[in-house]
Amino acid sequence: MLRQPATRVSPPDDKLNELARCLEATMREADGVGLAAPQVGISLQIAVVDLRKVEKRPSSMEIGGRPVDWRTQMPLFFCNPVVTLTRKKEDAEEGCLSFPKVYGSVRRSLRIRMDFQDLQGKPMTLQAGGLLARALQHEVDHLQGILFIDRMEPETRKSIAPALLELMEQAPSNTKAS
């Protein structure tokens, strides 16, 4: 399922709100900063990001062209996102709740624009920088069937190959990748 593009959703919807709360709870329980529905086996375009516990990696957010305190927007739930990337990129270490204890350098845009729907179905646009931009790109990738390991340089993927093989060996036989 992680390799399949997720299906668009139509908020507002009570079941979608329930899924959103489940995603948030699962993310917190796993001590993560983001989670997309495909990561819990549900192929729908909904995800959550909450960076409030991260102190050493700055973020910025603008809504309607005005800077806002991104902390007041957390947890940020988003549906059907479309991201516009900027040219300026940065390499930084990433991890993923779907790949426990696997980390590697990933090149991502420093700033992004994201058009999406909130849980009430309201069209929204935000601009993000720093860790928030990175986290949003990571979760949107999940909704498109792209994994963070797909964004790594070949040398980085090679260096984490033993950890990935160990994860595959630990996975139940019906979930192993082919």
N, C-alpha and C. Protein backbone atom coordinates (compact mmCIF):
# COMPACT_ATOMS: atom_id res chain seq x y z
N MET A 1 0.82 -1.20 0.00
CA MET A 1 0.00 0.00 0.00
C MET A 1 0.86 1.27 0.00
N LEU A 2 2.03 1.22 0.63
CA LEU A 2 2.87 2.42 0.70
C LEU A 2 3.34 2.88 -0.67
N ARG A 3 3.32 1.99 -1.64
CA ARG A 3 3.78 2.34 -3.00
C ARG A 3 2.65 2.80 -3.92
N GLN A 4 1.42 2.82 -3.44
CA GLN A 4 0.28 3.19 -4.27
C GLN A 4 -0.17 4.62 -3.99
N PRO A 5 -0.45 5.41 -5.03
CA PRO A 5 -1.03 6.73 -4.79
C PRO A 5 -2.38 6.58 -4.08
N ALA A 6 -2.61 7.42 -3.08
CA ALA A 6 -3.85 7.35 -2.29
C ALA A 6 -5.00 8.03 -3.03
N THR A 7 -6.21 7.67 -2.64
CA THR A 7 -7.44 8.18 -3.23
C THR A 7 -7.83 9.51 -2.59
N ARG A 8 -8.28 10.45 -3.42
CA ARG A 8 -8.76 11.74 -2.91
C ARG A 8 -9.95 11.52 -1.98
N VAL A 9 -10.10 12.45 -1.04
CA VAL A 9 -11.20 12.38 -0.08
C VAL A 9 -12.11 13.59 -0.26
N SER A 10 -13.30 13.52 0.36
CA SER A 10 -14.28 14.60 0.26
C SER A 10 -14.70 15.07 1.65
N PRO A 11 -13.88 15.91 2.28
CA PRO A 11 -14.29 16.44 3.59
C PRO A 11 -15.39 17.48 3.41
N PRO A 12 -16.21 17.75 4.41
CA PRO A 12 -16.20 17.13 5.73
C PRO A 12 -16.90 15.78 5.72
N ASP A 13 -16.44 14.91 6.62
CA ASP A 13 -16.98 13.56 6.71
C ASP A 13 -16.65 13.03 8.11
N ASP A 14 -17.64 12.49 8.79
CA ASP A 14 -17.43 12.00 10.16
C ASP A 14 -16.39 10.89 10.21
N LYS A 15 -16.40 9.99 9.24
CA LYS A 15 -15.41 8.91 9.23
C LYS A 15 -14.01 9.44 8.99
N LEU A 16 -13.90 10.47 8.17
CA LEU A 16 -12.61 11.11 7.91
C LEU A 16 -12.09 11.79 9.18
N ASN A 17 -12.99 12.44 9.92
CA ASN A 17 -12.59 13.06 11.19
C ASN A 17 -12.11 12.00 12.18
N GLU A 18 -12.79 10.87 12.21
CA GLU A 18 -12.38 9.77 13.09
C GLU A 18 -11.00 9.26 12.68
N LEU A 19 -10.77 9.12 11.38
CA LEU A 19 -9.47 8.69 10.88
C LEU A 19 -8.40 9.71 11.26
N ALA A 20 -8.71 10.99 11.14
CA ALA A 20 -7.75 12.04 11.50
C ALA A 20 -7.32 11.90 12.95
N ARG A 21 -8.25 11.68 13.85
CA ARG A 21 -7.92 11.53 15.28
C ARG A 21 -7.11 10.26 15.51
N CYS A 22 -7.41 9.21 14.76
CA CYS A 22 -6.65 7.97 14.86
C CYS A 22 -5.20 8.20 14.38
N LEU A 23 -5.05 8.92 13.29
CA LEU A 23 -3.71 9.24 12.78
C LEU A 23 -2.93 10.03 13.83
N GLU A 24 -3.58 11.02 14.42
CA GLU A 24 -2.91 11.84 15.42
C GLU A 24 -2.47 10.98 16.62
N ALA A 25 -3.36 10.15 17.11
CA ALA A 25 -3.05 9.30 18.26
C ALA A 25 -1.90 8.34 17.93
N THR A 26 -1.95 7.74 16.76
CA THR A 26 -0.91 6.80 16.34
C THR A 26 0.43 7.50 16.21
N MET A 27 0.43 8.70 15.62
CA MET A 27 1.65 9.49 15.47
C MET A 27 2.26 9.79 16.83
N ARG A 28 1.42 10.23 17.76
CA ARG A 28 1.92 10.57 19.10
C ARG A 28 2.45 9.33 19.83
N GLU A 29 1.72 8.23 19.72
CA GLU A 29 2.14 6.99 20.38
C GLU A 29 3.50 6.53 19.86
N ALA A 30 3.75 6.75 18.58
CA ALA A 30 5.01 6.34 17.95
C ALA A 30 6.09 7.42 18.09
N ASP A 31 5.75 8.52 18.74
CA ASP A 31 6.68 9.63 18.94
C ASP A 31 7.16 10.22 17.62
N GLY A 32 6.21 10.36 16.68
CA GLY A 32 6.54 10.92 15.37
C GLY A 32 6.10 12.37 15.26
N VAL A 33 6.44 12.98 14.12
CA VAL A 33 6.02 14.36 13.85
C VAL A 33 5.05 14.44 12.68
N GLY A 34 4.76 13.30 12.06
CA GLY A 34 3.81 13.28 10.96
C GLY A 34 3.39 11.86 10.65
N LEU A 35 2.20 11.74 10.06
CA LEU A 35 1.70 10.42 9.68
C LEU A 35 0.66 10.58 8.58
N ALA A 36 0.76 9.74 7.57
CA ALA A 36 -0.20 9.74 6.46
C ALA A 36 -1.03 8.46 6.52
N ALA A 37 -2.26 8.54 6.06
CA ALA A 37 -3.18 7.40 6.12
C ALA A 37 -2.60 6.12 5.52
N PRO A 38 -1.89 6.17 4.38
CA PRO A 38 -1.34 4.92 3.84
C PRO A 38 -0.40 4.20 4.81
N GLN A 39 0.19 4.93 5.73
CA GLN A 39 1.10 4.30 6.70
C GLN A 39 0.36 3.43 7.71
N VAL A 40 -0.95 3.62 7.83
CA VAL A 40 -1.74 2.77 8.72
C VAL A 40 -2.66 1.86 7.90
N GLY A 41 -2.33 1.70 6.60
CA GLY A 41 -3.06 0.76 5.77
C GLY A 41 -4.34 1.29 5.15
N ILE A 42 -4.51 2.62 5.11
CA ILE A 42 -5.71 3.22 4.54
C ILE A 42 -5.30 4.14 3.40
N SER A 43 -5.68 3.79 2.19
CA SER A 43 -5.23 4.52 1.01
C SER A 43 -6.12 5.72 0.70
N LEU A 44 -6.04 6.71 1.59
CA LEU A 44 -6.78 7.97 1.43
C LEU A 44 -5.84 9.14 1.59
N GLN A 45 -6.14 10.24 0.89
CA GLN A 45 -5.28 11.42 0.92
C GLN A 45 -5.58 12.30 2.14
N ILE A 46 -5.12 11.84 3.29
CA ILE A 46 -5.22 12.61 4.52
C ILE A 46 -3.97 12.33 5.35
N ALA A 47 -3.45 13.38 5.98
CA ALA A 47 -2.25 13.24 6.80
C ALA A 47 -2.28 14.29 7.90
N VAL A 48 -1.38 14.12 8.86
CA VAL A 48 -1.25 15.05 9.97
C VAL A 48 0.23 15.31 10.21
N VAL A 49 0.53 16.54 10.61
CA VAL A 49 1.88 16.94 11.03
C VAL A 49 1.73 17.73 12.32
N ASP A 50 2.62 17.47 13.27
CA ASP A 50 2.67 18.26 14.51
C ASP A 50 4.12 18.34 14.97
N LEU A 51 4.69 19.53 14.86
CA LEU A 51 6.12 19.73 15.17
C LEU A 51 6.34 20.40 16.51
N ARG A 52 5.33 20.57 17.32
CA ARG A 52 5.48 21.34 18.56
C ARG A 52 6.54 20.78 19.50
N LYS A 53 6.81 19.51 19.44
CA LYS A 53 7.81 18.94 20.36
C LYS A 53 9.25 19.08 19.83
N VAL A 54 9.42 19.56 18.61
CA VAL A 54 10.75 19.72 18.03
C VAL A 54 11.22 21.14 18.30
N GLU A 55 12.33 21.25 19.02
CA GLU A 55 12.79 22.58 19.41
C GLU A 55 13.99 23.08 18.62
N LYS A 56 14.83 22.20 18.12
CA LYS A 56 16.10 22.63 17.55
C LYS A 56 16.11 22.76 16.03
N ARG A 57 14.97 22.56 15.38
CA ARG A 57 14.92 22.69 13.93
C ARG A 57 13.82 23.69 13.59
N PRO A 58 14.19 24.91 13.23
CA PRO A 58 13.19 25.97 13.04
C PRO A 58 12.24 25.71 11.87
N SER A 59 11.06 26.32 11.99
CA SER A 59 10.04 26.25 10.95
C SER A 59 9.43 27.63 10.78
N SER A 60 8.79 27.82 9.64
CA SER A 60 8.02 29.04 9.40
C SER A 60 6.77 28.69 8.62
N MET A 61 5.74 29.54 8.77
CA MET A 61 4.49 29.32 8.05
C MET A 61 3.85 30.65 7.72
N GLU A 62 3.29 30.71 6.53
CA GLU A 62 2.49 31.85 6.10
C GLU A 62 1.15 31.32 5.61
N ILE A 63 0.09 32.01 5.97
CA ILE A 63 -1.23 31.71 5.46
C ILE A 63 -1.78 33.00 4.88
N GLY A 64 -2.23 32.93 3.64
CA GLY A 64 -2.72 34.14 2.98
C GLY A 64 -1.64 35.19 2.83
N GLY A 65 -0.38 34.74 2.71
CA GLY A 65 0.73 35.67 2.53
C GLY A 65 1.20 36.34 3.81
N ARG A 66 0.60 36.00 4.94
CA ARG A 66 0.98 36.61 6.21
C ARG A 66 1.63 35.58 7.13
N PRO A 67 2.73 35.95 7.76
CA PRO A 67 3.36 35.03 8.71
C PRO A 67 2.42 34.73 9.88
N VAL A 68 2.40 33.46 10.28
CA VAL A 68 1.61 33.03 11.44
C VAL A 68 2.52 32.21 12.34
N ASP A 69 2.15 32.12 13.60
CA ASP A 69 2.87 31.24 14.51
C ASP A 69 2.43 29.82 14.19
N TRP A 70 3.30 29.06 13.55
CA TRP A 70 2.94 27.72 13.09
C TRP A 70 2.49 26.82 14.24
N ARG A 71 2.96 27.10 15.45
CA ARG A 71 2.59 26.26 16.60
C ARG A 71 1.07 26.29 16.84
N THR A 72 0.44 27.43 16.54
CA THR A 72 -1.00 27.55 16.76
C THR A 72 -1.80 26.76 15.72
N GLN A 73 -1.15 26.31 14.66
CA GLN A 73 -1.82 25.56 13.60
C GLN A 73 -1.69 24.04 13.78
N MET A 74 -1.00 23.63 14.85
CA MET A 74 -0.73 22.22 15.09
C MET A 74 -1.74 21.62 16.05
N PRO A 75 -2.13 20.36 15.86
CA PRO A 75 -1.75 19.51 14.74
C PRO A 75 -2.40 20.01 13.44
N LEU A 76 -1.65 19.91 12.37
CA LEU A 76 -2.12 20.34 11.06
C LEU A 76 -2.58 19.11 10.28
N PHE A 77 -3.91 19.03 10.06
CA PHE A 77 -4.49 17.96 9.26
C PHE A 77 -4.68 18.50 7.85
N PHE A 78 -4.37 17.69 6.85
CA PHE A 78 -4.57 18.15 5.48
C PHE A 78 -5.02 17.01 4.59
N CYS A 79 -5.90 17.37 3.65
CA CYS A 79 -6.48 16.42 2.70
C CYS A 79 -6.17 16.90 1.28
N ASN A 80 -5.98 15.96 0.38
CA ASN A 80 -5.82 16.23 -1.05
C ASN A 80 -4.77 17.32 -1.34
N PRO A 81 -3.58 17.22 -0.76
CA PRO A 81 -2.60 18.29 -0.93
C PRO A 81 -1.94 18.30 -2.30
N VAL A 82 -1.58 19.51 -2.72
CA VAL A 82 -0.76 19.72 -3.91
C VAL A 82 0.36 20.65 -3.48
N VAL A 83 1.60 20.19 -3.65
CA VAL A 83 2.77 20.95 -3.19
C VAL A 83 3.49 21.55 -4.39
N THR A 84 3.88 22.81 -4.24
CA THR A 84 4.73 23.49 -5.20
C THR A 84 6.08 23.69 -4.51
N LEU A 85 7.12 23.17 -5.12
CA LEU A 85 8.46 23.23 -4.54
C LEU A 85 9.22 24.47 -5.02
N THR A 86 10.16 24.91 -4.21
CA THR A 86 11.06 25.97 -4.64
C THR A 86 12.37 25.34 -5.09
N ARG A 87 13.18 26.12 -5.78
CA ARG A 87 14.43 25.59 -6.33
C ARG A 87 15.50 25.35 -5.27
N LYS A 88 15.55 26.21 -4.26
CA LYS A 88 16.59 26.09 -3.24
C LYS A 88 16.32 24.86 -2.37
N LYS A 89 17.31 23.98 -2.33
CA LYS A 89 17.14 22.71 -1.63
C LYS A 89 18.22 22.53 -0.57
N GLU A 90 17.95 21.57 0.31
CA GLU A 90 18.88 21.29 1.40
C GLU A 90 18.84 19.79 1.69
N ASP A 91 20.02 19.24 2.00
CA ASP A 91 20.10 17.86 2.46
C ASP A 91 19.99 17.86 3.97
N ALA A 92 19.18 16.95 4.49
CA ALA A 92 19.06 16.78 5.94
C ALA A 92 18.63 15.36 6.23
N GLU A 93 18.94 14.90 7.44
CA GLU A 93 18.59 13.55 7.84
C GLU A 93 17.09 13.45 8.09
N GLU A 94 16.51 12.35 7.60
CA GLU A 94 15.10 12.06 7.82
C GLU A 94 14.95 10.63 8.31
N GLY A 95 13.86 10.42 8.99
CA GLY A 95 13.44 9.09 9.39
C GLY A 95 11.98 8.95 8.99
N CYS A 96 11.41 7.79 9.28
CA CYS A 96 10.02 7.54 8.91
C CYS A 96 9.45 6.49 9.84
N LEU A 97 8.23 6.73 10.32
CA LEU A 97 7.59 5.77 11.21
C LEU A 97 7.40 4.41 10.54
N SER A 98 7.34 4.38 9.22
CA SER A 98 7.19 3.12 8.49
C SER A 98 8.51 2.34 8.41
N PHE A 99 9.62 3.01 8.75
CA PHE A 99 10.95 2.39 8.71
C PHE A 99 11.65 2.68 10.04
N PRO A 100 11.22 2.05 11.12
CA PRO A 100 11.77 2.36 12.44
C PRO A 100 13.29 2.25 12.49
N LYS A 101 13.90 3.25 13.08
CA LYS A 101 15.35 3.30 13.31
C LYS A 101 16.17 3.37 12.04
N VAL A 102 15.57 3.74 10.92
CA VAL A 102 16.30 3.93 9.66
C VAL A 102 16.31 5.43 9.37
N TYR A 103 17.51 5.97 9.18
CA TYR A 103 17.67 7.39 8.93
C TYR A 103 18.66 7.58 7.79
N GLY A 104 18.44 8.65 7.03
CA GLY A 104 19.36 8.96 5.95
C GLY A 104 19.12 10.35 5.42
N SER A 105 20.10 10.86 4.72
CA SER A 105 20.03 12.21 4.16
C SER A 105 19.10 12.24 2.95
N VAL A 106 18.21 13.24 2.94
CA VAL A 106 17.26 13.42 1.84
C VAL A 106 17.30 14.89 1.43
N ARG A 107 17.36 15.13 0.13
CA ARG A 107 17.35 16.50 -0.40
C ARG A 107 15.90 16.93 -0.62
N ARG A 108 15.54 18.07 -0.01
CA ARG A 108 14.18 18.60 -0.14
C ARG A 108 14.24 20.12 -0.30
N SER A 109 13.17 20.67 -0.84
CA SER A 109 13.06 22.13 -0.97
C SER A 109 13.00 22.77 0.42
N LEU A 110 13.68 23.91 0.54
CA LEU A 110 13.69 24.64 1.81
C LEU A 110 12.35 25.30 2.11
N ARG A 111 11.64 25.70 1.05
CA ARG A 111 10.33 26.33 1.21
C ARG A 111 9.37 25.68 0.23
N ILE A 112 8.12 25.62 0.61
CA ILE A 112 7.09 25.07 -0.27
C ILE A 112 5.81 25.88 -0.15
N ARG A 113 4.97 25.67 -1.12
CA ARG A 113 3.58 26.13 -1.06
C ARG A 113 2.74 24.86 -1.09
N MET A 114 1.71 24.82 -0.25
CA MET A 114 0.83 23.65 -0.25
C MET A 114 -0.62 24.11 -0.31
N ASP A 115 -1.31 23.66 -1.34
CA ASP A 115 -2.76 23.86 -1.47
C ASP A 115 -3.41 22.57 -1.00
N PHE A 116 -4.45 22.68 -0.16
CA PHE A 116 -5.07 21.50 0.41
C PHE A 116 -6.47 21.85 0.91
N GLN A 117 -7.16 20.85 1.41
CA GLN A 117 -8.44 21.05 2.09
C GLN A 117 -8.24 20.70 3.55
N ASP A 118 -8.87 21.48 4.43
CA ASP A 118 -8.85 21.12 5.84
C ASP A 118 -9.96 20.10 6.09
N LEU A 119 -10.13 19.68 7.33
CA LEU A 119 -11.12 18.64 7.64
C LEU A 119 -12.55 19.11 7.44
N GLN A 120 -12.76 20.42 7.34
CA GLN A 120 -14.10 20.94 7.06
C GLN A 120 -14.34 21.09 5.56
N GLY A 121 -13.33 20.76 4.76
CA GLY A 121 -13.46 20.86 3.31
C GLY A 121 -13.08 22.22 2.76
N LYS A 122 -12.62 23.12 3.62
CA LYS A 122 -12.24 24.47 3.20
C LYS A 122 -10.92 24.43 2.44
N PRO A 123 -10.89 25.02 1.23
CA PRO A 123 -9.62 25.11 0.50
C PRO A 123 -8.65 26.03 1.25
N MET A 124 -7.43 25.59 1.39
CA MET A 124 -6.41 26.34 2.12
C MET A 124 -5.13 26.40 1.30
N THR A 125 -4.34 27.45 1.54
CA THR A 125 -3.01 27.56 0.96
C THR A 125 -2.08 28.04 2.06
N LEU A 126 -0.95 27.38 2.17
CA LEU A 126 0.07 27.84 3.11
C LEU A 126 1.43 27.77 2.45
N GLN A 127 2.33 28.58 2.97
CA GLN A 127 3.73 28.51 2.60
C GLN A 127 4.46 28.07 3.86
N ALA A 128 5.44 27.20 3.69
CA ALA A 128 6.17 26.69 4.84
C ALA A 128 7.66 26.68 4.55
N GLY A 129 8.43 26.83 5.60
CA GLY A 129 9.88 26.76 5.51
C GLY A 129 10.44 25.91 6.63
N GLY A 130 11.70 25.56 6.51
CA GLY A 130 12.37 24.81 7.55
C GLY A 130 11.84 23.39 7.69
N LEU A 131 11.82 22.92 8.94
CA LEU A 131 11.39 21.55 9.20
C LEU A 131 9.94 21.32 8.77
N LEU A 132 9.09 22.34 8.92
CA LEU A 132 7.70 22.17 8.50
C LEU A 132 7.61 21.87 7.01
N ALA A 133 8.37 22.57 6.20
CA ALA A 133 8.38 22.30 4.75
C ALA A 133 8.82 20.87 4.48
N ARG A 134 9.87 20.43 5.18
CA ARG A 134 10.38 19.07 5.01
C ARG A 134 9.33 18.03 5.42
N ALA A 135 8.71 18.23 6.58
CA ALA A 135 7.72 17.27 7.08
C ALA A 135 6.52 17.18 6.14
N LEU A 136 6.07 18.32 5.64
CA LEU A 136 4.93 18.31 4.71
C LEU A 136 5.29 17.57 3.42
N GLN A 137 6.48 17.82 2.89
CA GLN A 137 6.90 17.11 1.68
C GLN A 137 6.95 15.60 1.92
N HIS A 138 7.45 15.20 3.07
CA HIS A 138 7.56 13.78 3.42
C HIS A 138 6.17 13.13 3.45
N GLU A 139 5.21 13.78 4.11
CA GLU A 139 3.86 13.19 4.23
C GLU A 139 3.12 13.21 2.89
N VAL A 140 3.28 14.28 2.13
CA VAL A 140 2.65 14.34 0.80
C VAL A 140 3.22 13.24 -0.09
N ASP A 141 4.52 13.00 0.01
CA ASP A 141 5.11 11.88 -0.74
C ASP A 141 4.38 10.58 -0.41
N HIS A 142 4.11 10.34 0.88
CA HIS A 142 3.40 9.11 1.26
C HIS A 142 2.05 9.02 0.54
N LEU A 143 1.38 10.14 0.39
CA LEU A 143 0.07 10.13 -0.27
C LEU A 143 0.19 9.86 -1.76
N GLN A 144 1.39 10.02 -2.30
CA GLN A 144 1.64 9.77 -3.72
C GLN A 144 2.35 8.44 -3.97
N GLY A 145 2.55 7.65 -2.91
CA GLY A 145 3.21 6.36 -3.06
C GLY A 145 4.72 6.45 -3.16
N ILE A 146 5.29 7.56 -2.67
CA ILE A 146 6.74 7.78 -2.70
C ILE A 146 7.26 7.68 -1.27
N LEU A 147 8.36 6.95 -1.09
CA LEU A 147 8.96 6.78 0.23
C LEU A 147 10.22 7.63 0.35
N PHE A 148 10.58 7.99 1.57
CA PHE A 148 11.75 8.83 1.76
C PHE A 148 13.01 8.16 1.24
N ILE A 149 13.06 6.83 1.26
CA ILE A 149 14.23 6.14 0.72
C ILE A 149 14.35 6.33 -0.79
N ASP A 150 13.22 6.60 -1.46
CA ASP A 150 13.23 6.85 -2.90
C ASP A 150 13.91 8.18 -3.22
N ARG A 151 13.94 9.08 -2.27
CA ARG A 151 14.51 10.42 -2.46
C ARG A 151 15.99 10.48 -2.10
N MET A 152 16.52 9.39 -1.57
CA MET A 152 17.93 9.37 -1.15
C MET A 152 18.85 9.16 -2.35
N GLU A 153 20.07 9.67 -2.21
CA GLU A 153 21.12 9.41 -3.20
C GLU A 153 21.46 7.92 -3.14
N PRO A 154 21.91 7.34 -4.25
CA PRO A 154 22.23 5.91 -4.26
C PRO A 154 23.22 5.50 -3.17
N GLU A 155 24.21 6.34 -2.89
CA GLU A 155 25.19 5.99 -1.86
C GLU A 155 24.53 5.91 -0.48
N THR A 156 23.57 6.80 -0.22
CA THR A 156 22.88 6.80 1.06
C THR A 156 22.01 5.55 1.17
N ARG A 157 21.28 5.23 0.10
CA ARG A 157 20.45 4.01 0.11
C ARG A 157 21.31 2.77 0.35
N LYS A 158 22.48 2.76 -0.27
CA LYS A 158 23.38 1.62 -0.09
C LYS A 158 23.82 1.51 1.37
N SER A 159 24.06 2.64 2.01
CA SER A 159 24.53 2.61 3.40
C SER A 159 23.45 2.13 4.37
N ILE A 160 22.17 2.30 4.02
CA ILE A 160 21.09 1.87 4.91
C ILE A 160 20.51 0.52 4.50
N ALA A 161 21.04 -0.07 3.43
CA ALA A 161 20.52 -1.35 2.93
C ALA A 161 20.48 -2.43 4.00
N PRO A 162 21.51 -2.58 4.84
CA PRO A 162 21.42 -3.63 5.87
C PRO A 162 20.24 -3.41 6.83
N ALA A 163 19.98 -2.18 7.21
CA ALA A 163 18.85 -1.89 8.11
C ALA A 163 17.53 -2.19 7.42
N LEU A 164 17.42 -1.89 6.13
CA LEU A 164 16.19 -2.17 5.39
C LEU A 164 15.97 -3.67 5.26
N LEU A 165 17.03 -4.42 4.99
CA LEU A 165 16.91 -5.88 4.91
C LEU A 165 16.46 -6.46 6.24
N GLU A 166 17.00 -5.94 7.33
CA GLU A 166 16.59 -6.42 8.65
C GLU A 166 15.11 -6.15 8.91
N LEU A 167 14.63 -4.97 8.50
CA LEU A 167 13.20 -4.67 8.65
C LEU A 167 12.34 -5.63 7.83
N MET A 168 12.77 -5.91 6.61
CA MET A 168 12.02 -6.83 5.76
C MET A 168 11.96 -8.22 6.36
N GLU A 169 13.06 -8.65 6.96
CA GLU A 169 13.10 -9.98 7.58
C GLU A 169 12.19 -10.04 8.80
N GLN A 170 12.01 -8.93 9.48
CA GLN A 170 11.16 -8.87 10.67
C GLN A 170 9.69 -8.75 10.34
N ALA A 171 9.37 -8.31 9.11
CA ALA A 171 7.97 -8.09 8.71
C ALA A 171 7.24 -9.42 8.59
N PRO A 172 5.95 -9.43 8.94
CA PRO A 172 5.14 -10.65 8.71
C PRO A 172 5.19 -11.00 7.22
N SER A 173 5.11 -12.27 6.91
CA SER A 173 5.29 -12.74 5.54
C SER A 173 4.29 -12.13 4.57
N ASN A 174 3.08 -11.77 5.02
CA ASN A 174 2.09 -11.21 4.10
C ASN A 174 2.32 -9.72 3.84
N THR A 175 3.32 -9.09 4.51
CA THR A 175 3.56 -7.67 4.27
C THR A 175 4.90 -7.41 3.63
N LYS A 176 5.68 -8.43 3.38
CA LYS A 176 7.01 -8.24 2.79
C LYS A 176 6.88 -7.70 1.37
N ALA A 177 7.78 -6.76 1.07
CA ALA A 177 7.78 -6.16 -0.28
C ALA A 177 8.33 -7.17 -1.26
N SER A 178 7.87 -7.04 -2.50
CA SER A 178 8.39 -7.95 -3.53
C SER A 178 9.45 -7.27 -4.33
